[in-house]
N, C-alpha and C. Protein backbone atom coordinates (compact mmCIF):
# COMPACT_ATOMS: atom_id res chain seq x y z
N UNK A 1 0.32 -0.80 -0.12
CA UNK A 1 0.25 -0.12 -0.23
C UNK A 1 0.80 1.33 -0.03
N UNK A 2 1.93 1.24 0.81
CA UNK A 2 2.84 2.23 0.96
C UNK A 2 3.56 2.56 -0.30
N UNK A 3 3.86 1.30 -1.07
CA UNK A 3 4.47 1.89 -2.33
C UNK A 3 3.88 2.62 -3.72
N UNK A 4 2.65 1.67 -3.52
CA UNK A 4 1.55 2.78 -4.51
C UNK A 4 1.33 3.90 -4.08
N UNK A 5 1.49 3.86 -2.61
CA UNK A 5 0.96 5.54 -2.44
C UNK A 5 2.14 6.59 -3.33
N UNK A 6 3.45 6.14 -3.17
CA UNK A 6 4.76 6.86 -3.22
C UNK A 6 4.45 6.69 -4.95
N UNK A 7 4.09 5.95 -5.47
CA UNK A 7 4.09 5.62 -6.90
C UNK A 7 3.33 7.07 -7.24
N UNK A 8 2.11 6.91 -6.55
CA UNK A 8 1.14 8.04 -6.90
C UNK A 8 1.37 9.22 -6.78
N UNK A 9 2.05 9.40 -5.92
CA UNK A 9 2.88 11.06 -5.63
C UNK A 9 3.68 11.23 -6.63
N UNK A 10 4.49 10.18 -6.97
CA UNK A 10 5.76 10.48 -7.94
C UNK A 10 4.86 10.89 -9.55
N UNK A 11 3.81 10.21 -10.04
CA UNK A 11 2.83 10.73 -10.64
C UNK A 11 2.49 12.26 -10.72
N UNK A 12 1.85 12.26 -9.68
CA UNK A 12 1.22 13.61 -9.77
C UNK A 12 2.69 14.58 -9.86
N UNK A 13 3.93 13.97 -9.17
CA UNK A 13 4.98 14.98 -9.06
C UNK A 13 5.38 15.47 -10.64
N UNK A 14 5.39 14.54 -11.35
CA UNK A 14 5.84 14.69 -12.88
C UNK A 14 4.67 15.35 -13.69
N UNK A 15 3.37 15.00 -13.57
CA UNK A 15 2.55 15.85 -13.94
C UNK A 15 2.53 17.40 -13.70
N UNK A 16 2.81 17.65 -12.54
CA UNK A 16 2.78 19.18 -12.29
C UNK A 16 4.23 20.07 -12.53
N UNK A 17 5.15 19.31 -13.00
CA UNK A 17 6.01 19.11 -13.72
C UNK A 17 5.88 19.86 -15.11
N UNK A 18 5.70 19.03 -15.71
CA UNK A 18 5.19 18.77 -17.16
C UNK A 18 3.91 20.46 -17.09
N UNK A 19 2.77 20.76 -16.35
CA UNK A 19 2.58 21.40 -16.42
C UNK A 19 2.95 22.95 -16.01
N UNK A 20 3.31 22.91 -15.44
CA UNK A 20 4.64 24.18 -14.94
C UNK A 20 5.57 24.53 -15.75
N UNK A 21 6.38 23.42 -16.83
CA UNK A 21 7.11 23.66 -17.86
C UNK A 21 6.30 24.47 -19.25
N UNK A 22 5.04 23.49 -19.48
CA UNK A 22 4.68 24.44 -20.08
C UNK A 22 3.81 25.35 -20.06
N UNK A 23 3.37 26.17 -18.84
CA UNK A 23 2.62 27.42 -18.60
C UNK A 23 4.41 28.28 -18.70
N UNK A 24 5.17 27.71 -18.14
CA UNK A 24 6.48 28.48 -18.27
C UNK A 24 6.54 29.22 -20.05
N UNK A 25 6.37 27.88 -20.61
CA UNK A 25 6.95 27.74 -22.51
C UNK A 25 6.00 29.35 -23.01
N UNK A 26 4.41 29.20 -22.30
CA UNK A 26 3.24 29.94 -22.88
C UNK A 26 3.46 31.20 -22.59
N UNK A 27 3.89 31.48 -21.21
CA UNK A 27 4.21 32.69 -20.49
C UNK A 27 5.37 33.33 -22.00
N UNK A 28 6.41 32.78 -21.56
CA UNK A 28 7.83 33.02 -22.84
C UNK A 28 7.27 33.72 -24.15
N UNK A 29 6.42 32.65 -24.36
CA UNK A 29 5.76 32.92 -26.06
C UNK A 29 4.93 34.31 -26.18
N UNK A 30 4.24 34.33 -24.84
CA UNK A 30 3.66 35.90 -25.48
C UNK A 30 4.03 36.90 -24.42
N UNK A 31 5.15 36.46 -23.57
CA UNK A 31 5.98 37.53 -23.10
C UNK A 31 6.26 39.27 -23.93
N UNK A 32 6.08 40.68 -23.92
CA UNK A 32 6.31 41.64 -24.19
C UNK A 32 8.02 41.84 -25.18
N UNK A 33 8.26 41.47 -26.10
CA UNK A 33 9.66 41.62 -26.54
C UNK A 33 10.68 42.72 -25.71
N UNK A 34 11.95 42.35 -26.09
CA UNK A 34 12.87 43.29 -25.11
C UNK A 34 13.40 44.48 -26.36
N UNK A 35 12.84 45.52 -26.74
CA UNK A 35 13.31 46.64 -27.64
C UNK A 35 14.01 47.37 -27.02
N UNK A 36 15.00 47.84 -27.55
CA UNK A 36 15.63 49.24 -27.50
C UNK A 36 16.37 50.15 -28.80
N UNK A 37 16.40 50.86 -28.29
CA UNK A 37 16.24 51.93 -29.65
C UNK A 37 17.62 52.55 -29.83
N UNK A 38 18.62 52.17 -30.49
CA UNK A 38 19.48 52.48 -30.07
C UNK A 38 20.44 53.23 -31.17
N UNK A 39 19.85 53.51 -32.61
CA UNK A 39 20.48 54.63 -33.59
C UNK A 39 18.92 55.03 -33.87
N UNK A 40 18.82 56.67 -34.42
CA UNK A 40 18.26 57.69 -34.93
C UNK A 40 18.50 58.43 -35.34
N UNK A 41 17.83 58.09 -36.82
CA UNK A 41 18.08 59.14 -38.03
C UNK A 41 16.51 59.84 -38.45
N UNK A 42 16.33 60.46 -39.47
CA UNK A 42 15.18 61.37 -39.99
C UNK A 42 14.87 59.90 -40.76
N UNK A 43 13.69 59.51 -39.93
CA UNK A 43 12.69 58.52 -40.88
C UNK A 43 13.52 57.21 -40.87
N UNK A 44 14.16 57.31 -40.05
CA UNK A 44 14.68 56.00 -39.49
C UNK A 44 15.09 55.73 -38.43
N UNK A 45 14.85 54.35 -38.05
CA UNK A 45 15.58 54.11 -36.36
C UNK A 45 16.47 52.34 -36.66
N UNK A 46 17.12 52.79 -35.96
CA UNK A 46 18.11 51.28 -35.15
C UNK A 46 17.36 50.60 -34.22
N UNK A 47 16.77 49.52 -33.64
CA UNK A 47 16.52 48.75 -33.00
C UNK A 47 16.86 47.66 -32.87
N UNK A 48 16.99 46.99 -31.18
CA UNK A 48 17.47 45.73 -31.37
C UNK A 48 15.82 45.36 -30.15
N UNK A 49 15.20 43.89 -30.96
CA UNK A 49 14.33 43.59 -30.62
C UNK A 49 14.70 41.89 -30.25
N UNK A 50 14.81 41.68 -28.53
CA UNK A 50 15.03 40.37 -28.36
C UNK A 50 16.36 40.23 -28.30
N UNK A 51 17.45 41.18 -28.27
CA UNK A 51 18.89 40.54 -28.89
C UNK A 51 19.30 40.75 -30.36
N UNK A 52 18.45 41.14 -30.79
CA UNK A 52 18.38 41.44 -32.88
C UNK A 52 18.39 42.54 -33.28
N UNK A 53 19.62 42.95 -34.21
CA UNK A 53 19.60 44.12 -34.91
C UNK A 53 18.81 44.84 -36.05
N UNK A 54 17.72 45.62 -35.66
CA UNK A 54 16.80 45.90 -37.03
C UNK A 54 17.01 47.13 -37.47
N UNK A 55 17.54 47.25 -38.73
CA UNK A 55 16.72 48.68 -39.22
C UNK A 55 15.76 49.40 -40.04
N UNK A 56 14.89 49.86 -39.40
CA UNK A 56 13.29 50.15 -39.93
C UNK A 56 13.42 51.16 -39.82
N UNK A 57 12.88 51.34 -41.80
CA UNK A 57 12.21 53.16 -42.33
C UNK A 57 10.91 53.00 -41.74
N UNK A 58 10.30 54.18 -41.83
CA UNK A 58 9.18 54.33 -41.39
C UNK A 58 8.01 53.72 -42.73
N UNK A 59 7.18 53.34 -41.76
CA UNK A 59 6.05 51.96 -42.17
C UNK A 59 6.78 50.43 -42.48
N UNK A 60 8.39 50.43 -42.25
CA UNK A 60 8.63 48.90 -42.41
C UNK A 60 8.06 48.34 -41.00
N UNK A 61 7.75 47.02 -41.55
CA UNK A 61 7.81 46.07 -40.21
C UNK A 61 8.46 44.84 -39.90
N UNK A 62 8.85 44.91 -38.56
CA UNK A 62 10.65 44.18 -38.89
C UNK A 62 10.18 42.73 -38.51
N UNK A 63 10.83 41.14 -38.93
CA UNK A 63 10.04 39.96 -38.97
C UNK A 63 9.23 39.46 -37.02
N UNK A 64 9.71 40.73 -36.29
CA UNK A 64 8.73 40.25 -34.87
C UNK A 64 7.92 41.13 -34.84
N UNK A 65 7.61 41.64 -35.66
CA UNK A 65 6.13 42.88 -35.72
C UNK A 65 5.89 44.15 -35.05
N UNK A 66 7.40 44.21 -35.11
CA UNK A 66 7.41 45.85 -35.00
C UNK A 66 7.43 46.88 -35.93
N UNK A 67 6.68 47.63 -35.83
CA UNK A 67 6.45 48.31 -37.34
C UNK A 67 6.99 50.11 -36.52
N UNK A 68 7.93 50.59 -37.83
CA UNK A 68 8.12 51.99 -37.46
C UNK A 68 6.80 52.68 -37.92
N UNK A 69 6.52 54.02 -36.97
CA UNK A 69 5.46 54.56 -37.61
C UNK A 69 5.86 56.18 -37.33
N UNK A 70 7.35 57.36 -36.74
CA UNK A 70 8.15 57.83 -36.95
C UNK A 70 9.18 57.26 -36.29
N UNK A 71 10.12 59.01 -37.00
CA UNK A 71 11.48 58.75 -36.33
C UNK A 71 12.14 60.28 -36.55
N UNK A 72 13.02 60.97 -35.78
CA UNK A 72 13.86 61.67 -35.92
C UNK A 72 14.94 61.96 -34.67
N UNK A 73 15.90 62.80 -34.87
CA UNK A 73 16.97 62.77 -34.26
C UNK A 73 16.83 62.60 -32.35
N UNK A 74 15.47 62.22 -31.91
CA UNK A 74 15.17 62.66 -30.42
C UNK A 74 14.82 61.35 -30.20
N UNK A 75 13.81 61.19 -31.24
CA UNK A 75 12.91 59.91 -30.54
C UNK A 75 12.11 59.18 -31.66
N UNK A 76 11.88 57.89 -31.85
CA UNK A 76 11.30 56.46 -32.59
C UNK A 76 9.89 56.57 -31.91
N UNK A 77 9.12 56.33 -32.75
CA UNK A 77 7.46 56.02 -32.47
C UNK A 77 7.35 54.60 -32.80
N UNK A 78 7.10 53.75 -32.44
CA UNK A 78 6.85 52.32 -32.77
C UNK A 78 5.64 51.47 -32.68
N UNK A 79 5.07 50.62 -33.68
CA UNK A 79 4.02 49.91 -32.79
C UNK A 79 4.08 48.93 -32.70
N UNK A 80 4.08 48.51 -31.67
CA UNK A 80 3.58 47.16 -30.92
C UNK A 80 2.59 46.35 -30.23
N UNK A 81 2.03 45.83 -31.53
CA UNK A 81 0.28 44.87 -30.88
C UNK A 81 -0.47 45.68 -30.86
N UNK A 82 0.09 46.76 -31.98
CA UNK A 82 -1.01 47.59 -32.12
C UNK A 82 -1.41 49.01 -31.98
N UNK A 83 -0.14 49.27 -30.48
CA UNK A 83 -0.21 50.13 -29.75
C UNK A 83 0.91 51.25 -30.38
N UNK A 84 0.79 52.77 -30.33
CA UNK A 84 2.55 53.62 -30.70
C UNK A 84 2.72 53.60 -29.53
N UNK A 85 4.34 53.51 -29.73
CA UNK A 85 5.14 53.48 -28.28
C UNK A 85 6.64 54.30 -28.52
N UNK A 86 6.13 55.18 -27.94
CA UNK A 86 7.80 56.11 -28.06
C UNK A 86 9.30 55.73 -27.26
N UNK A 87 9.70 56.13 -27.71
CA UNK A 87 11.31 55.08 -27.59
C UNK A 87 12.19 56.46 -27.96
N UNK A 88 13.01 56.75 -26.91
CA UNK A 88 14.16 57.42 -26.96
C UNK A 88 15.89 56.91 -27.26
N UNK A 89 16.83 57.37 -27.59
CA UNK A 89 17.43 56.95 -27.55
C UNK A 89 17.89 56.16 -26.98
N UNK A 90 18.61 54.93 -26.81
CA UNK A 90 19.05 53.63 -25.47
C UNK A 90 18.51 53.74 -24.97
N UNK A 91 17.38 53.88 -24.76
CA UNK A 91 16.11 53.35 -24.13
C UNK A 91 15.37 52.51 -24.33
N UNK A 92 14.96 51.03 -23.09
CA UNK A 92 13.97 50.23 -23.60
C UNK A 92 12.39 50.73 -23.62
N UNK A 93 12.09 49.92 -24.70
CA UNK A 93 10.69 50.13 -24.97
C UNK A 93 10.16 49.20 -24.52
N UNK A 94 8.76 49.43 -23.65
CA UNK A 94 8.19 48.12 -23.11
C UNK A 94 6.61 48.02 -23.99
N UNK A 95 6.37 46.97 -24.27
CA UNK A 95 5.17 46.63 -25.29
C UNK A 95 4.07 46.58 -24.19
N UNK A 96 4.52 47.14 -23.27
CA UNK A 96 3.02 47.21 -21.91
C UNK A 96 2.90 49.07 -21.20
N UNK A 97 3.63 49.52 -22.12
CA UNK A 97 4.10 51.03 -21.77
C UNK A 97 2.79 51.69 -22.39
N UNK A 98 2.13 52.82 -22.14
CA UNK A 98 1.10 53.49 -22.25
C UNK A 98 1.27 54.04 -23.09
N UNK A 99 0.18 54.42 -24.70
CA UNK A 99 0.76 55.16 -25.74
C UNK A 99 1.26 56.88 -25.11
N UNK A 100 1.77 57.64 -26.03
CA UNK A 100 1.84 59.04 -25.89
C UNK A 100 1.55 59.55 -25.91
N UNK A 101 0.85 60.71 -24.44
CA UNK A 101 -0.23 61.76 -24.90
C UNK A 101 -0.14 62.90 -25.64
N UNK A 102 -0.51 62.86 -26.38
CA UNK A 102 -0.50 63.83 -27.26
C UNK A 102 -0.53 65.36 -26.92
N UNK A 103 0.22 65.99 -27.42
CA UNK A 103 0.52 67.61 -27.23
C UNK A 103 -0.68 68.04 -27.47
N UNK A 104 -1.43 69.51 -27.09
CA UNK A 104 -2.44 69.93 -27.33
C UNK A 104 -2.39 71.20 -26.85
N UNK A 105 -2.83 72.65 -28.14
CA UNK A 105 -3.22 74.02 -28.08
C UNK A 105 -4.09 74.33 -27.96
N UNK A 106 -4.89 75.01 -27.17
CA UNK A 106 -6.08 75.81 -27.90
C UNK A 106 -5.84 77.12 -27.93
N UNK A 107 -6.46 77.85 -29.36
CA UNK A 107 -6.62 78.99 -29.08
C UNK A 107 -8.16 79.40 -29.19
N UNK A 108 -8.19 80.83 -28.61
CA UNK A 108 -9.64 81.39 -28.76
C UNK A 108 -9.30 82.30 -29.35
N UNK A 109 -10.67 82.75 -30.39
CA UNK A 109 -11.13 83.80 -31.51
C UNK A 109 -10.44 84.64 -30.48
N UNK A 110 -9.91 86.15 -30.73
CA UNK A 110 -9.86 86.96 -30.16
C UNK A 110 -11.56 87.97 -30.78
N UNK A 111 -11.41 89.82 -30.24
CA UNK A 111 -12.55 90.06 -30.73
C UNK A 111 -12.62 90.42 -32.37
N UNK A 112 -11.55 90.79 -32.68
CA UNK A 112 -11.39 91.18 -34.11
C UNK A 112 -11.68 89.14 -35.43
N UNK A 113 -12.17 88.71 -34.56
CA UNK A 113 -12.18 87.28 -34.99
C UNK A 113 -11.05 86.50 -35.73
N UNK A 114 -9.87 86.85 -35.21
CA UNK A 114 -9.10 86.34 -35.78
C UNK A 114 -8.19 85.10 -34.63
N UNK A 115 -7.71 84.26 -34.88
CA UNK A 115 -6.80 83.40 -34.09
C UNK A 115 -5.68 83.62 -33.64
N UNK A 116 -4.84 84.21 -32.85
CA UNK A 116 -3.67 84.64 -32.43
C UNK A 116 -3.50 83.72 -30.94
N UNK A 117 -1.80 83.67 -31.10
CA UNK A 117 -1.49 83.02 -30.17
C UNK A 117 0.05 83.74 -30.00
N UNK A 118 0.76 83.46 -28.54
CA UNK A 118 2.49 83.55 -28.88
C UNK A 118 2.56 81.91 -28.87
N UNK A 119 3.81 82.23 -29.42
CA UNK A 119 5.15 81.06 -29.27
C UNK A 119 6.10 81.69 -29.78
N UNK A 120 6.97 80.90 -30.46
CA UNK A 120 8.72 81.33 -30.30
C UNK A 120 8.91 80.49 -31.96
N UNK A 121 9.86 81.09 -32.26
CA UNK A 121 10.79 81.14 -33.41
C UNK A 121 12.37 80.79 -33.16
N UNK A 122 12.95 79.89 -33.32
CA UNK A 122 14.53 79.56 -32.96
C UNK A 122 15.02 79.90 -31.29
N UNK A 123 13.71 79.80 -30.54
CA UNK A 123 13.62 80.13 -29.13
C UNK A 123 13.90 81.95 -29.22
N UNK A 124 13.13 82.41 -29.72
CA UNK A 124 12.87 83.87 -29.53
C UNK A 124 11.19 84.08 -29.62
N UNK A 125 10.82 84.73 -28.60
CA UNK A 125 9.16 85.16 -28.58
C UNK A 125 8.71 85.63 -30.29
N UNK A 126 7.55 85.23 -29.99
CA UNK A 126 6.91 85.81 -31.46
C UNK A 126 5.06 85.79 -31.47
N UNK A 127 4.38 86.79 -31.97
CA UNK A 127 3.03 86.77 -31.48
C UNK A 127 2.80 86.44 -33.00
N UNK A 128 1.66 85.22 -32.90
CA UNK A 128 1.34 84.62 -34.21
C UNK A 128 0.22 84.60 -34.37
N UNK A 129 0.02 85.08 -35.62
CA UNK A 129 -1.46 85.05 -36.71
C UNK A 129 -1.92 83.96 -36.94
N UNK A 130 -2.58 83.31 -36.52
CA UNK A 130 -3.00 81.70 -37.26
C UNK A 130 -3.56 81.60 -38.45
N UNK A 131 -3.44 81.47 -39.85
CA UNK A 131 -3.65 81.58 -40.96
C UNK A 131 -3.24 80.40 -41.64
N UNK A 132 -4.58 79.43 -41.83
CA UNK A 132 -4.18 78.28 -42.52
C UNK A 132 -5.08 78.51 -44.54
N UNK A 133 -4.66 80.12 -44.32
CA UNK A 133 -4.47 80.02 -45.86
C UNK A 133 -3.01 80.49 -46.20
N UNK A 134 -2.14 80.54 -45.68
CA UNK A 134 -1.07 80.68 -45.64
C UNK A 134 -0.17 79.42 -45.97
N UNK A 135 0.73 79.13 -47.20
CA UNK A 135 1.15 78.19 -47.37
C UNK A 135 2.61 78.21 -46.45
N UNK A 136 3.28 79.10 -46.08
CA UNK A 136 4.48 78.83 -45.05
C UNK A 136 4.11 79.83 -43.96
N UNK A 137 5.00 79.60 -42.74
CA UNK A 137 4.85 80.79 -41.71
C UNK A 137 6.21 81.72 -42.25
N UNK A 138 5.38 83.11 -42.00
CA UNK A 138 5.38 84.33 -43.34
C UNK A 138 5.55 85.29 -42.55
N UNK A 139 6.63 86.27 -42.63
CA UNK A 139 7.16 87.47 -41.94
C UNK A 139 7.41 88.80 -42.49
N UNK A 140 7.56 89.52 -42.24
CA UNK A 140 8.27 90.69 -42.45
C UNK A 140 9.48 91.05 -42.89
N UNK A 141 10.72 91.56 -43.10
CA UNK A 141 11.86 91.86 -42.94
C UNK A 141 12.27 92.37 -41.64
N UNK A 142 11.39 93.08 -41.11
CA UNK A 142 11.90 93.69 -39.21
C UNK A 142 11.82 92.37 -38.45
N UNK A 143 11.01 91.20 -38.41
CA UNK A 143 10.56 90.50 -38.18
C UNK A 143 11.60 89.52 -37.84
N UNK A 144 12.18 89.24 -38.86
CA UNK A 144 13.77 88.30 -39.49
C UNK A 144 14.69 88.67 -38.75
N UNK A 145 14.54 90.44 -38.92
CA UNK A 145 15.90 90.79 -38.32
C UNK A 145 16.17 90.71 -36.80
N UNK A 146 14.77 90.94 -36.35
CA UNK A 146 14.78 91.04 -34.70
C UNK A 146 14.54 89.12 -34.33
N UNK A 147 14.37 88.48 -35.09
CA UNK A 147 15.10 86.91 -34.86
C UNK A 147 16.59 86.63 -34.93
N UNK A 148 17.04 87.47 -35.83
CA UNK A 148 18.24 86.93 -35.95
C UNK A 148 18.38 85.81 -37.71
N UNK A 149 17.63 85.77 -38.15
CA UNK A 149 17.44 85.33 -39.41
C UNK A 149 18.18 86.33 -40.77
N UNK A 150 18.98 86.05 -41.40
CA UNK A 150 19.75 86.85 -41.91
C UNK A 150 19.31 85.99 -43.54
N UNK A 151 18.06 86.56 -43.75
CA UNK A 151 17.15 85.92 -44.98
C UNK A 151 18.10 86.69 -46.56
N UNK A 152 18.74 87.29 -46.35
CA UNK A 152 19.55 87.71 -47.70
C UNK A 152 20.67 86.82 -47.77
N UNK A 153 20.80 86.08 -46.81
CA UNK A 153 22.08 85.28 -47.08
C UNK A 153 21.88 83.87 -46.77
N UNK A 154 20.80 83.06 -46.11
CA UNK A 154 20.72 81.88 -46.09
C UNK A 154 19.09 81.87 -46.93
N UNK A 155 18.79 82.60 -47.37
CA UNK A 155 17.30 82.32 -48.09
C UNK A 155 17.67 82.34 -49.72
N UNK A 156 16.62 81.36 -50.13
CA UNK A 156 16.27 81.65 -51.58
C UNK A 156 15.49 82.76 -52.30
N UNK A 157 16.09 83.52 -53.47
CA UNK A 157 14.94 84.65 -53.20
C UNK A 157 13.68 84.04 -54.23
N UNK A 158 12.31 84.67 -54.07
CA UNK A 158 11.06 84.07 -54.45
C UNK A 158 10.22 85.28 -54.53
N UNK A 159 9.51 84.89 -54.79
CA UNK A 159 8.11 85.99 -54.75
C UNK A 159 6.88 85.34 -54.14
N UNK A 160 6.19 86.66 -53.68
CA UNK A 160 4.76 86.04 -53.02
C UNK A 160 3.44 87.10 -53.54
N UNK A 161 2.42 86.14 -53.75
CA UNK A 161 1.35 86.84 -53.78
C UNK A 161 0.72 87.15 -53.16
N UNK A 162 0.32 88.67 -53.14
CA UNK A 162 -0.81 89.09 -51.70
C UNK A 162 -1.62 89.59 -52.16
N UNK A 163 -2.70 89.87 -51.41
CA UNK A 163 -3.78 90.10 -51.87
C UNK A 163 -3.93 91.41 -52.63
N UNK A 164 -2.77 92.36 -52.69
CA UNK A 164 -2.81 93.36 -53.55
C UNK A 164 -1.57 93.38 -54.35
N UNK A 165 -0.64 92.44 -54.92
CA UNK A 165 0.52 92.69 -55.30
C UNK A 165 1.05 91.69 -55.05
N UNK A 166 2.40 91.19 -56.47
CA UNK A 166 3.43 90.16 -55.64
C UNK A 166 4.59 90.72 -55.05
N UNK A 167 4.94 90.56 -53.80
CA UNK A 167 5.62 90.94 -53.69
C UNK A 167 6.83 90.08 -52.99
N UNK A 168 8.35 90.81 -53.51
CA UNK A 168 9.88 90.35 -53.05
C UNK A 168 10.06 89.25 -51.95
N UNK A 169 10.24 88.02 -52.20
CA UNK A 169 10.10 87.28 -50.54
C UNK A 169 11.93 86.83 -51.06
N UNK A 170 12.10 85.65 -49.90
CA UNK A 170 12.91 84.95 -49.41
C UNK A 170 12.59 83.32 -49.09
N UNK A 171 12.86 82.19 -49.22
CA UNK A 171 12.28 81.49 -48.62
C UNK A 171 13.64 81.06 -47.55
N UNK A 172 12.58 80.26 -46.30
CA UNK A 172 14.18 80.68 -45.69
C UNK A 172 13.62 78.90 -44.95
N UNK A 173 14.49 78.16 -44.40
CA UNK A 173 14.00 77.12 -43.07
C UNK A 173 14.65 77.67 -41.53
N UNK A 174 13.22 77.14 -40.92
CA UNK A 174 13.71 77.57 -38.93
C UNK A 174 13.28 76.76 -38.61
N UNK A 175 14.77 76.78 -37.92
CA UNK A 175 15.09 75.46 -37.27
C UNK A 175 14.11 75.22 -36.28
N UNK A 176 13.32 76.01 -35.55
CA UNK A 176 12.10 75.89 -34.24
C UNK A 176 10.97 76.62 -34.30
N UNK A 177 9.90 75.85 -34.47
CA UNK A 177 8.76 76.77 -34.57
C UNK A 177 7.84 76.34 -33.56
N UNK A 178 7.62 76.99 -32.43
CA UNK A 178 7.00 76.65 -31.31
C UNK A 178 5.76 77.39 -31.08
N UNK A 179 4.35 76.47 -30.32
CA UNK A 179 3.33 77.22 -29.97
C UNK A 179 2.82 75.79 -28.89
N UNK A 180 2.80 76.93 -27.59
CA UNK A 180 2.72 76.25 -26.24
C UNK A 180 3.51 74.79 -25.84
N UNK A 181 3.02 73.87 -26.02
CA UNK A 181 4.48 72.86 -25.87
C UNK A 181 4.08 71.98 -27.15
N UNK A 182 3.98 72.29 -28.25
CA UNK A 182 4.19 71.76 -29.71
C UNK A 182 5.32 72.45 -30.39
N UNK A 183 6.40 71.99 -30.41
CA UNK A 183 7.63 72.16 -31.59
C UNK A 183 7.99 71.52 -32.40
N UNK A 184 7.80 71.92 -33.31
CA UNK A 184 8.59 71.31 -34.76
C UNK A 184 10.01 71.88 -34.94
N UNK A 185 10.28 71.21 -35.90
CA UNK A 185 11.49 71.60 -36.27
C UNK A 185 11.94 71.88 -38.07
N UNK A 186 12.91 72.46 -38.09
CA UNK A 186 13.01 72.34 -40.14
C UNK A 186 11.57 72.81 -40.53
N UNK A 187 10.99 73.89 -39.92
CA UNK A 187 9.52 74.17 -40.99
C UNK A 187 10.33 75.70 -41.95
N UNK A 188 9.15 75.20 -42.84
CA UNK A 188 9.62 76.31 -43.86
C UNK A 188 9.14 77.39 -43.71
N UNK A 189 9.77 78.63 -44.34
CA UNK A 189 9.03 80.12 -43.66
C UNK A 189 9.76 80.90 -44.96
N UNK A 190 8.69 82.37 -44.94
CA UNK A 190 9.45 83.03 -46.01
C UNK A 190 9.03 84.63 -45.49
N UNK A 191 10.65 85.39 -45.63
CA UNK A 191 10.40 86.20 -45.41
C UNK A 191 9.97 87.82 -46.58
N UNK A 192 9.19 88.33 -46.21
CA UNK A 192 8.62 89.42 -46.90
C UNK A 192 9.88 90.68 -47.11
N UNK A 193 10.01 91.42 -48.29
CA UNK A 193 10.55 92.32 -47.93
C UNK A 193 10.41 93.69 -47.30
N UNK A 194 8.74 93.94 -47.46
CA UNK A 194 8.21 94.90 -46.86
C UNK A 194 7.53 95.06 -45.75
N UNK A 195 7.04 95.27 -45.18
CA UNK A 195 6.19 95.94 -43.89
C UNK A 195 5.41 94.96 -43.49
N UNK A 196 4.98 93.89 -44.57
CA UNK A 196 3.61 92.87 -44.18
C UNK A 196 4.35 91.82 -44.72
N UNK A 197 3.34 90.62 -43.72
CA UNK A 197 2.69 90.99 -42.49
C UNK A 197 2.96 91.53 -41.18
N UNK A 198 1.97 92.07 -40.81
CA UNK A 198 2.39 93.13 -39.56
C UNK A 198 2.71 92.11 -37.96
N UNK A 199 1.88 90.88 -38.56
CA UNK A 199 1.87 90.03 -37.57
C UNK A 199 2.55 88.58 -38.19
N UNK A 200 3.68 87.99 -37.58
CA UNK A 200 4.23 86.52 -38.14
C UNK A 200 2.95 85.86 -38.36
N UNK A 201 2.63 85.36 -39.76
CA UNK A 201 1.92 84.22 -39.88
C UNK A 201 2.26 83.30 -39.91
N UNK A 202 1.05 81.99 -38.96
CA UNK A 202 1.62 80.96 -38.34
C UNK A 202 1.09 80.19 -39.80
N UNK A 203 1.66 79.45 -40.92
CA UNK A 203 0.73 79.18 -42.20
C UNK A 203 0.92 77.69 -41.64
N UNK A 204 0.38 77.22 -42.84
CA UNK A 204 0.46 75.49 -42.60
C UNK A 204 1.64 74.71 -43.12
N UNK A 205 3.21 74.95 -43.01
CA UNK A 205 4.29 74.63 -43.23
C UNK A 205 4.12 74.26 -41.44
N UNK A 206 3.66 74.35 -41.01
CA UNK A 206 3.22 74.18 -39.33
C UNK A 206 2.38 73.49 -39.25
N UNK A 207 1.07 74.41 -39.41
CA UNK A 207 -0.13 73.80 -39.25
C UNK A 207 -0.17 71.82 -40.09
N UNK A 208 0.23 72.58 -41.05
CA UNK A 208 -0.30 71.13 -41.84
C UNK A 208 0.15 69.67 -41.16
N UNK A 209 1.18 70.11 -40.31
CA UNK A 209 1.90 68.71 -39.54
C UNK A 209 1.26 68.02 -38.18
N UNK A 210 0.67 69.03 -38.22
CA UNK A 210 -0.62 68.94 -37.01
C UNK A 210 -2.48 68.45 -37.34
N UNK A 211 -2.50 68.15 -36.47
CA UNK A 211 -3.88 67.87 -36.15
C UNK A 211 -4.69 68.83 -35.93
N UNK A 212 -5.91 69.36 -36.35
CA UNK A 212 -6.56 70.90 -36.59
C UNK A 212 -8.09 70.65 -36.14
N UNK A 213 -8.52 71.23 -35.28
CA UNK A 213 -10.19 70.74 -34.66
C UNK A 213 -10.48 72.81 -34.86
N UNK A 214 -12.04 72.78 -35.06
CA UNK A 214 -12.20 74.47 -34.93
C UNK A 214 -13.75 74.18 -34.82
N UNK A 215 -14.08 74.66 -33.33
CA UNK A 215 -15.78 74.40 -33.28
C UNK A 215 -16.41 75.90 -33.53
N UNK A 216 -15.17 76.80 -34.26
CA UNK A 216 -15.85 78.44 -34.78
C UNK A 216 -15.38 79.10 -33.47
N UNK A 217 -15.33 78.68 -32.32
CA UNK A 217 -15.26 79.81 -31.33
C UNK A 217 -13.24 79.30 -31.02
N UNK A 218 -13.17 77.99 -30.83
CA UNK A 218 -11.78 77.33 -30.31
C UNK A 218 -11.16 76.47 -31.42
N UNK A 219 -9.97 76.97 -31.93
CA UNK A 219 -8.84 75.91 -31.87
C UNK A 219 -8.08 75.06 -31.27
N UNK A 220 -7.93 74.13 -31.51
CA UNK A 220 -7.66 72.99 -31.29
C UNK A 220 -6.15 72.39 -32.07
N UNK A 221 -4.62 72.68 -31.65
CA UNK A 221 -3.70 72.31 -32.72
C UNK A 221 -3.26 70.55 -31.86
N UNK A 222 -3.24 69.86 -32.31
CA UNK A 222 -2.77 68.64 -32.07
C UNK A 222 -1.55 67.68 -32.91
N UNK A 223 -0.35 67.48 -31.80
CA UNK A 223 0.30 67.13 -32.91
C UNK A 223 0.52 65.65 -32.68
N UNK A 224 0.89 64.97 -34.25
CA UNK A 224 0.35 63.87 -34.41
C UNK A 224 1.54 62.85 -33.86
N UNK A 225 1.10 61.70 -33.46
CA UNK A 225 2.15 60.69 -33.42
C UNK A 225 2.32 59.46 -34.38
């Protein structure tokens, strides 16, 4: 009787070990991959996934199912299990991380019926007039000089059609344009030689890279990820 009981316990022990091994294997199969961002470039990122190095361009998916949504010199946004996850250089990315919170700025319509807000260009303060009809961020020559933009040296001659005439202008590249917490780099701008526009126009070279909602009284700008 004692022998049979010992054999019974051994059988149970073997079954327990087998179940434990199967459970461990299943857990490993569904475990979140170990993802690290080790290189960042414009529209490209180098990541290691469970120790394997992958070079991904925007829109590409690795054999492990990790897709690159966006990348610049600061961070990469990866899609893991259908969720967008932001990863910085040499930082571990967890598939269970919360998706990044989108940055948003709200701008009230003023008494003149216009949307005006404060921000910065190249780190210097600016009062913007939001203009979805302007192709680029536009400013007059005096504003450019105040911002330290030597448009005649770094810009390319062009022409801009205003409401009244064609104005001589220079196309420039703005290092940073920021409104609230939303800062974008390498934004196309234009400098008009005359006194117009009186305020810097926040045009579509900035706005077009954001999500915009407008209920007629309040405009909301939201950064895309």
